[in-house]
Amino acid sequence: MDYTFLVWDVVRMLGSMAGQPHIVMVLVRNSTCKVVELLASKKIEGIFRNVRVGETVSSHLIQLSGRLELSEVNRLGLEAYLIGRSFLWVDAPSCKACKILSRTPAIPRSIIYLKGVGVVFSFLTPGQIATKKIIAMLRDAGLDVEVLNKTVLDLKRMLTRRQTEVLLAAVEMNYFNEPRQVSLADIAERLGLAKSTISRHLRAAMKKLAIDQSLRPIG
């Protein structure tokens, strides 16, 4: 599993969360997604490589398991673009799950449609309380949801003490904001370290958050 896309999502959460971020995987058997409806009708499975969830419209970049003609998509009134032979970009009315996720602190990581099974959602949450609330909201909306797995990003196991110190200082000082509000030199001055040391520890921490797979199951 590739965790590269998690890095920026994790550091955005660190400044405000009380616990540890969770990665949650759920199966929705009765999805109301128009894109899933299209794939099901053509008996094509798809991996949603990127999804921008919205209250009314959601954008999907999908890697398809089979060929799909653009005219078949357009007939459903969906705005779509074929990218190469196996990728489809489509804007569609938000389904129940996307509407809910757009109103919560959840960050979608991956969505996979499996024909005859349903839609597997994986998303990042700030912690246990948020996870329970989001799952409850999905079920209250009438979705048939099964929790397949919950894991926690254990920063104490992933990062050294110094890497954690530097990363948290960078988050607290809004280093990751756009536009950036502080420099590496500012972080170095606060922690009493050399700028080169801050840079080295920050790069190491970001790399570990990107590729480390030491996730432990939640009991």
C-alpha atoms as a PDB file:
ATOM      1  CA  MET A   1       0.000   0.000   0.000  1.00  0.00           C
ATOM      2  CA  ASP A   2       1.387   3.417  -0.957  1.00  0.00           C
ATOM      3  CA  TYR A   3       1.242   6.032   1.819  1.00  0.00           C
ATOM      4  CA  THR A   4       2.900   8.832  -0.145  1.00  0.00           C
ATOM      5  CA  PHE A   5      -0.308  10.862  -0.447  1.00  0.00           C
ATOM      6  CA  LEU A   6      -0.830  10.709   3.342  1.00  0.00           C
ATOM      7  CA  VAL A   7       1.989  13.068   4.289  1.00  0.00           C
ATOM      8  CA  TRP A   8       0.347  16.443   3.843  1.00  0.00           C
ATOM      9  CA  ASP A   9      -2.972  15.175   5.185  1.00  0.00           C
ATOM     10  CA  VAL A  10      -1.300  13.955   8.372  1.00  0.00           C
ATOM     11  CA  VAL A  11       0.628  17.135   9.095  1.00  0.00           C
ATOM     12  CA  ARG A  12      -2.514  19.232   8.556  1.00  0.00           C
ATOM     13  CA  MET A  13      -4.210  17.238  11.301  1.00  0.00           C
ATOM     14  CA  LEU A  14      -1.392  17.187  13.837  1.00  0.00           C
ATOM     15  CA  GLY A  15      -1.879  20.753  14.990  1.00  0.00           C
ATOM     16  CA  SER A  16      -5.470  20.291  16.161  1.00  0.00           C
ATOM     17  CA  MET A  17      -6.048  16.661  17.041  1.00  0.00           C
ATOM     18  CA  ALA A  18      -6.146  15.341  20.593  1.00  0.00           C
ATOM     19  CA  GLY A  19      -5.378  11.710  19.724  1.00  0.00           C
ATOM     20  CA  GLN A  20      -3.793   9.851  16.849  1.00  0.00           C
ATOM     21  CA  PRO A  21      -5.149   9.844  13.293  1.00  0.00           C
ATOM     22  CA  HIS A  22      -7.038   6.730  12.230  1.00  0.00           C
ATOM     23  CA  ILE A  23      -7.169   5.035   8.858  1.00  0.00           C
ATOM     24  CA  VAL A  24     -10.599   3.453   8.446  1.00  0.00           C
ATOM     25  CA  MET A  25     -11.724   1.035   5.739  1.00  0.00           C
ATOM     26  CA  VAL A  26     -15.438   0.386   5.253  1.00  0.00           C
ATOM     27  CA  LEU A  27     -17.555  -1.508   2.749  1.00  0.00           C
ATOM     28  CA  VAL A  28     -20.740   0.176   1.520  1.00  0.00           C
ATOM     29  CA  ARG A  29     -22.997  -2.395  -0.104  1.00  0.00           C
ATOM     30  CA  ASN A  30     -25.773  -0.081  -1.271  1.00  0.00           C
ATOM     31  CA  SER A  31     -23.888   2.902  -2.714  1.00  0.00           C
ATOM     32  CA  THR A  32     -25.978   5.646  -4.346  1.00  0.00           C
ATOM     33  CA  CYS A  33     -23.027   6.796  -6.510  1.00  0.00           C
ATOM     34  CA  LYS A  34     -23.929   7.439 -10.171  1.00  0.00           C
ATOM     35  CA  VAL A  35     -20.396   6.523 -11.218  1.00  0.00           C
ATOM     36  CA  VAL A  36     -20.659   3.168  -9.445  1.00  0.00           C
ATOM     37  CA  GLU A  37     -24.042   2.652 -11.116  1.00  0.00           C
ATOM     38  CA  LEU A  38     -22.371   3.213 -14.498  1.00  0.00           C
ATOM     39  CA  LEU A  39     -19.517   0.797 -13.777  1.00  0.00           C
ATOM     40  CA  ALA A  40     -21.942  -1.830 -12.471  1.00  0.00           C
ATOM     41  CA  SER A  41     -24.076  -1.597 -15.608  1.00  0.00           C
ATOM     42  CA  LYS A  42     -20.984  -2.226 -17.763  1.00  0.00           C
ATOM     43  CA  LYS A  43     -19.582  -4.879 -15.389  1.00  0.00           C
ATOM     44  CA  ILE A  44     -16.373  -2.888 -14.971  1.00  0.00           C
ATOM     45  CA  GLU A  45     -14.463  -2.577 -11.722  1.00  0.00           C
ATOM     46  CA  GLY A  46     -12.636   0.632 -10.908  1.00  0.00           C
ATOM     47  CA  ILE A  47     -10.105   2.099  -8.511  1.00  0.00           C
ATOM     48  CA  PHE A  48     -10.864   5.723  -7.663  1.00  0.00           C
ATOM     49  CA  ARG A  49      -7.326   7.105  -7.786  1.00  0.00           C
ATOM     50  CA  ASN A  50      -8.411  10.523  -6.573  1.00  0.00           C
ATOM     51  CA  VAL A  51     -11.718  11.919  -5.370  1.00  0.00           C
ATOM     52  CA  ARG A  52     -12.664  15.472  -4.451  1.00  0.00           C
ATOM     53  CA  VAL A  53     -15.810  15.056  -2.381  1.00  0.00           C
ATOM     54  CA  GLY A  54     -18.338  17.867  -2.322  1.00  0.00           C
ATOM     55  CA  GLU A  55     -21.762  18.611  -0.899  1.00  0.00           C
ATOM     56  CA  THR A  56     -23.393  18.679  -4.342  1.00  0.00           C
ATOM     57  CA  VAL A  57     -20.811  17.527  -6.924  1.00  0.00           C
ATOM     58  CA  SER A  58     -17.820  15.215  -6.525  1.00  0.00           C
ATOM     59  CA  SER A  59     -14.934  14.747  -8.955  1.00  0.00           C
ATOM     60  CA  HIS A  60     -13.502  11.290  -9.565  1.00  0.00           C
ATOM     61  CA  LEU A  61     -10.336  10.066 -11.299  1.00  0.00           C
ATOM     62  CA  ILE A  62     -10.906   6.372 -11.910  1.00  0.00           C
ATOM     63  CA  GLN A  63      -8.624   3.632 -13.177  1.00  0.00           C
ATOM     64  CA  LEU A  64     -10.875   1.216 -15.073  1.00  0.00           C
ATOM     65  CA  SER A  65     -10.525  -2.556 -15.372  1.00  0.00           C
ATOM     66  CA  GLY A  66     -12.116  -2.492 -18.839  1.00  0.00           C
ATOM     67  CA  ARG A  67     -12.943  -0.255 -21.784  1.00  0.00           C
ATOM     68  CA  LEU A  68     -15.659   2.363 -21.495  1.00  0.00           C
ATOM     69  CA  GLU A  69     -16.947   4.634 -24.235  1.00  0.00           C
ATOM     70  CA  LEU A  70     -17.352   8.302 -23.372  1.00  0.00           C
ATOM     71  CA  SER A  71     -20.768   8.322 -25.045  1.00  0.00           C
ATOM     72  CA  GLU A  72     -21.972   5.799 -22.440  1.00  0.00           C
ATOM     73  CA  VAL A  73     -20.999   8.202 -19.677  1.00  0.00           C
ATOM     74  CA  ASN A  74     -22.506  11.228 -21.382  1.00  0.00           C
ATOM     75  CA  ARG A  75     -25.863   9.477 -21.745  1.00  0.00           C
ATOM     76  CA  LEU A  76     -26.166   9.579 -17.954  1.00  0.00           C
ATOM     77  CA  GLY A  77     -25.710  13.330 -17.989  1.00  0.00           C
ATOM     78  CA  LEU A  78     -22.283  13.154 -16.326  1.00  0.00           C
ATOM     79  CA  GLU A  79     -19.422  15.462 -17.296  1.00  0.00           C
ATOM     80  CA  ALA A  80     -16.514  13.169 -18.118  1.00  0.00           C
ATOM     81  CA  TYR A  81     -13.153  12.938 -19.867  1.00  0.00           C
ATOM     82  CA  LEU A  82     -11.223   9.846 -20.932  1.00  0.00           C
ATOM     83  CA  ILE A  83      -7.507  10.006 -20.114  1.00  0.00           C
ATOM     84  CA  GLY A  84      -5.584   7.449 -22.135  1.00  0.00           C
ATOM     85  CA  ARG A  85      -7.113   4.000 -22.386  1.00  0.00           C
ATOM     86  CA  SER A  86      -7.812   3.193 -18.773  1.00  0.00           C
ATOM     87  CA  PHE A  87      -8.513   6.409 -16.842  1.00  0.00           C
ATOM     88  CA  LEU A  88     -11.792   8.284 -16.558  1.00  0.00           C
ATOM     89  CA  TRP A  89     -12.297  11.719 -15.012  1.00  0.00           C
ATOM     90  CA  VAL A  90     -15.939  12.313 -14.173  1.00  0.00           C
ATOM     91  CA  ASP A  91     -17.921  14.935 -12.246  1.00  0.00           C
ATOM     92  CA  ALA A  92     -21.120  13.517 -10.797  1.00  0.00           C
ATOM     93  CA  PRO A  93     -23.791  14.456  -8.254  1.00  0.00           C
ATOM     94  CA  SER A  94     -22.450  13.569  -4.813  1.00  0.00           C
ATOM     95  CA  CYS A  95     -23.705  10.285  -3.408  1.00  0.00           C
ATOM     96  CA  LYS A  96     -24.777   9.919   0.217  1.00  0.00           C
ATOM     97  CA  ALA A  97     -21.299   8.821   1.305  1.00  0.00           C
ATOM     98  CA  CYS A  98     -19.507  11.703  -0.442  1.00  0.00           C
ATOM     99  CA  LYS A  99     -21.959  14.256   0.961  1.00  0.00           C
ATOM    100  CA  ILE A 100     -21.315  12.986   4.474  1.00  0.00           C
ATOM    101  CA  LEU A 101     -17.540  12.857   4.081  1.00  0.00           C
ATOM    102  CA  SER A 102     -17.570  16.423   2.737  1.00  0.00           C
ATOM    103  CA  ARG A 103     -19.171  17.587   6.003  1.00  0.00           C
ATOM    104  CA  THR A 104     -16.718  15.816   8.314  1.00  0.00           C
ATOM    105  CA  PRO A 105     -12.966  16.034   8.992  1.00  0.00           C
ATOM    106  CA  ALA A 106     -12.470  12.764   7.101  1.00  0.00           C
ATOM    107  CA  ILE A 107      -9.905  12.785   4.285  1.00  0.00           C
ATOM    108  CA  PRO A 108     -10.643  10.154   1.595  1.00  0.00           C
ATOM    109  CA  ARG A 109      -7.587   8.029   0.743  1.00  0.00           C
ATOM    110  CA  SER A 110      -8.980   5.529  -1.722  1.00  0.00           C
ATOM    111  CA  ILE A 111     -12.285   4.254  -3.070  1.00  0.00           C
ATOM    112  CA  ILE A 112     -12.569   0.940  -4.914  1.00  0.00           C
ATOM    113  CA  TYR A 113     -15.665  -0.445  -6.627  1.00  0.00           C
ATOM    114  CA  LEU A 114     -15.840  -4.265  -6.652  1.00  0.00           C
ATOM    115  CA  LYS A 115     -18.627  -5.668  -8.798  1.00  0.00           C
ATOM    116  CA  GLY A 116     -20.999  -7.876  -6.865  1.00  0.00           C
ATOM    117  CA  VAL A 117     -19.533  -6.672  -3.556  1.00  0.00           C
ATOM    118  CA  GLY A 118     -19.868  -2.911  -3.206  1.00  0.00           C
ATOM    119  CA  VAL A 119     -17.680   0.127  -2.665  1.00  0.00           C
ATOM    120  CA  VAL A 120     -14.700   0.032  -0.335  1.00  0.00           C
ATOM    121  CA  PHE A 121     -13.907   3.432   1.188  1.00  0.00           C
ATOM    122  CA  SER A 122     -10.655   4.167   2.988  1.00  0.00           C
ATOM    123  CA  PHE A 123     -10.363   7.493   4.785  1.00  0.00           C
ATOM    124  CA  LEU A 124      -8.256   9.280   7.377  1.00  0.00           C
ATOM    125  CA  THR A 125      -9.833  10.739  10.533  1.00  0.00           C
ATOM    126  CA  PRO A 126      -8.395  12.770  13.443  1.00  0.00           C
ATOM    127  CA  GLY A 127      -9.071   9.994  15.970  1.00  0.00           C
ATOM    128  CA  GLN A 128     -11.434   7.539  17.650  1.00  0.00           C
ATOM    129  CA  ILE A 129     -14.304   9.947  18.384  1.00  0.00           C
ATOM    130  CA  ALA A 130     -14.384  11.303  14.834  1.00  0.00           C
ATOM    131  CA  THR A 131     -14.230   7.768  13.426  1.00  0.00           C
ATOM    132  CA  LYS A 132     -17.278   6.609  15.416  1.00  0.00           C
ATOM    133  CA  LYS A 133     -19.234   9.735  14.469  1.00  0.00           C
ATOM    134  CA  ILE A 134     -18.535   9.367  10.748  1.00  0.00           C
ATOM    135  CA  ILE A 135     -19.517   5.689  10.667  1.00  0.00           C
ATOM    136  CA  ALA A 136     -22.717   6.507  12.580  1.00  0.00           C
ATOM    137  CA  MET A 137     -23.538   9.282  10.089  1.00  0.00           C
ATOM    138  CA  LEU A 138     -23.094   6.882   7.154  1.00  0.00           C
ATOM    139  CA  ARG A 139     -25.419   4.329   8.746  1.00  0.00           C
ATOM    140  CA  ASP A 140     -27.979   6.949   9.755  1.00  0.00           C
ATOM    141  CA  ALA A 141     -28.161   7.947   6.072  1.00  0.00           C
ATOM    142  CA  GLY A 142     -29.409   4.435   5.271  1.00  0.00           C
ATOM    143  CA  LEU A 143     -26.127   3.036   3.965  1.00  0.00           C
ATOM    144  CA  ASP A 144     -25.275  -0.612   4.617  1.00  0.00           C
ATOM    145  CA  VAL A 145     -21.814  -0.124   6.133  1.00  0.00           C
ATOM    146  CA  GLU A 146     -19.403  -2.809   7.335  1.00  0.00           C
ATOM    147  CA  VAL A 147     -16.164  -1.731   9.019  1.00  0.00           C
ATOM    148  CA  LEU A 148     -13.418  -3.845   7.472  1.00  0.00           C
ATOM    149  CA  ASN A 149     -10.420  -2.415   9.287  1.00  0.00           C
ATOM    150  CA  LYS A 150      -9.286   0.401  11.567  1.00  0.00           C
ATOM    151  CA  THR A 151      -5.636   1.258  12.091  1.00  0.00           C
ATOM    152  CA  VAL A 152      -3.811   4.055  13.842  1.00  0.00           C
ATOM    153  CA  LEU A 153      -0.824   6.092  12.719  1.00  0.00           C
ATOM    154  CA  ASP A 154       1.476   5.622  15.720  1.00  0.00           C
ATOM    155  CA  LEU A 155       3.885   8.546  15.470  1.00  0.00           C
ATOM    156  CA  LYS A 156       5.887   7.359  18.499  1.00  0.00           C
ATOM    157  CA  ARG A 157       6.793   4.190  16.630  1.00  0.00           C
ATOM    158  CA  MET A 158       7.353   5.911  13.306  1.00  0.00           C
ATOM    159  CA  LEU A 159       9.433   8.935  14.300  1.00  0.00           C
ATOM    160  CA  THR A 160      12.356   9.627  16.618  1.00  0.00           C
ATOM    161  CA  ARG A 161      11.884  12.062  19.492  1.00  0.00           C
ATOM    162  CA  ARG A 162      13.752  14.794  17.634  1.00  0.00           C
ATOM    163  CA  GLN A 163      11.837  14.210  14.384  1.00  0.00           C
ATOM    164  CA  THR A 164       8.539  14.459  16.272  1.00  0.00           C
ATOM    165  CA  GLU A 165       9.690  17.640  18.024  1.00  0.00           C
ATOM    166  CA  VAL A 166      10.680  19.300  14.750  1.00  0.00           C
ATOM    167  CA  LEU A 167       7.545  18.190  12.899  1.00  0.00           C
ATOM    168  CA  LEU A 168       5.172  19.368  15.631  1.00  0.00           C
ATOM    169  CA  ALA A 169       6.991  22.697  15.884  1.00  0.00           C
ATOM    170  CA  ALA A 170       6.632  23.135  12.121  1.00  0.00           C
ATOM    171  CA  VAL A 171       2.896  22.416  12.348  1.00  0.00           C
ATOM    172  CA  GLU A 172       2.358  24.720  15.340  1.00  0.00           C
ATOM    173  CA  MET A 173       4.273  27.552  13.658  1.00  0.00           C
ATOM    174  CA  ASN A 174       2.224  27.161  10.427  1.00  0.00           C
ATOM    175  CA  TYR A 175       5.214  26.129   8.322  1.00  0.00           C
ATOM    176  CA  PHE A 176       2.923  24.014   6.140  1.00  0.00           C
ATOM    177  CA  ASN A 177       0.367  26.767   5.538  1.00  0.00           C
ATOM    178  CA  GLU A 178      -0.008  28.363   2.145  1.00  0.00           C
ATOM    179  CA  PRO A 179       1.400  30.893   1.915  1.00  0.00           C
ATOM    180  CA  ARG A 180       4.105  29.644   4.274  1.00  0.00           C
ATOM    181  CA  GLN A 181       4.192  31.815   7.408  1.00  0.00           C
ATOM    182  CA  VAL A 182       7.596  30.850   8.839  1.00  0.00           C
ATOM    183  CA  SER A 183      10.937  29.633   7.536  1.00  0.00           C
ATOM    184  CA  LEU A 184      13.254  26.809   8.574  1.00  0.00           C
ATOM    185  CA  ALA A 185      15.404  29.459  10.221  1.00  0.00           C
ATOM    186  CA  ASP A 186      12.447  30.500  12.408  1.00  0.00           C
ATOM    187  CA  ILE A 187      11.912  26.894  13.534  1.00  0.00           C
ATOM    188  CA  ALA A 188      15.635  26.509  14.181  1.00  0.00           C
ATOM    189  CA  GLU A 189      15.666  29.638  16.360  1.00  0.00           C
ATOM    190  CA  ARG A 190      12.693  28.417  18.408  1.00  0.00           C
ATOM    191  CA  LEU A 191      14.223  24.977  19.043  1.00  0.00           C
ATOM    192  CA  GLY A 192      17.802  26.194  19.431  1.00  0.00           C
ATOM    193  CA  LEU A 193      19.089  24.030  16.591  1.00  0.00           C
ATOM    194  CA  ALA A 194      20.942  24.677  13.362  1.00  0.00           C
ATOM    195  CA  LYS A 195      18.848  25.320  10.241  1.00  0.00           C
ATOM    196  CA  SER A 196      20.534  22.331   8.536  1.00  0.00           C
ATOM    197  CA  THR A 197      19.535  20.108  11.474  1.00  0.00           C
ATOM    198  CA  ILE A 198      15.902  21.236  11.228  1.00  0.00           C
ATOM    199  CA  SER A 199      15.914  20.581   7.501  1.00  0.00           C
ATOM    200  CA  ARG A 200      17.396  17.095   7.954  1.00  0.00           C
ATOM    201  CA  HIS A 201      14.963  16.015  10.680  1.00  0.00           C
ATOM    202  CA  LEU A 202      11.950  17.468   8.859  1.00  0.00           C
ATOM    203  CA  ARG A 203      12.847  15.654   5.627  1.00  0.00           C
ATOM    204  CA  ALA A 204      13.334  12.405   7.543  1.00  0.00           C
ATOM    205  CA  ALA A 205       9.987  12.773   9.325  1.00  0.00           C
ATOM    206  CA  MET A 206       8.133  13.528   6.103  1.00  0.00           C
ATOM    207  CA  LYS A 207       9.752  10.579   4.358  1.00  0.00           C
ATOM    208  CA  LYS A 208       8.755   8.202   7.151  1.00  0.00           C
ATOM    209  CA  LEU A 209       5.172   9.459   7.094  1.00  0.00           C
ATOM    210  CA  ALA A 210       5.143   8.834   3.363  1.00  0.00           C
ATOM    211  CA  ILE A 211       6.517   5.283   3.222  1.00  0.00           C
ATOM    212  CA  ASP A 212       6.368   3.794   6.718  1.00  0.00           C
ATOM    213  CA  GLN A 213       3.831   0.975   6.983  1.00  0.00           C
ATOM    214  CA  SER A 214       4.072   0.353  10.741  1.00  0.00           C
ATOM    215  CA  LEU A 215       0.335   0.679  11.273  1.00  0.00           C
ATOM    216  CA  ARG A 216      -1.135  -1.331  14.125  1.00  0.00           C
ATOM    217  CA  PRO A 217      -4.728  -2.617  14.218  1.00  0.00           C
ATOM    218  CA  ILE A 218      -7.168  -1.018  16.647  1.00  0.00           C
ATOM    219  CA  GLY A 219      -8.645  -3.525  19.065  1.00  0.00           C
END
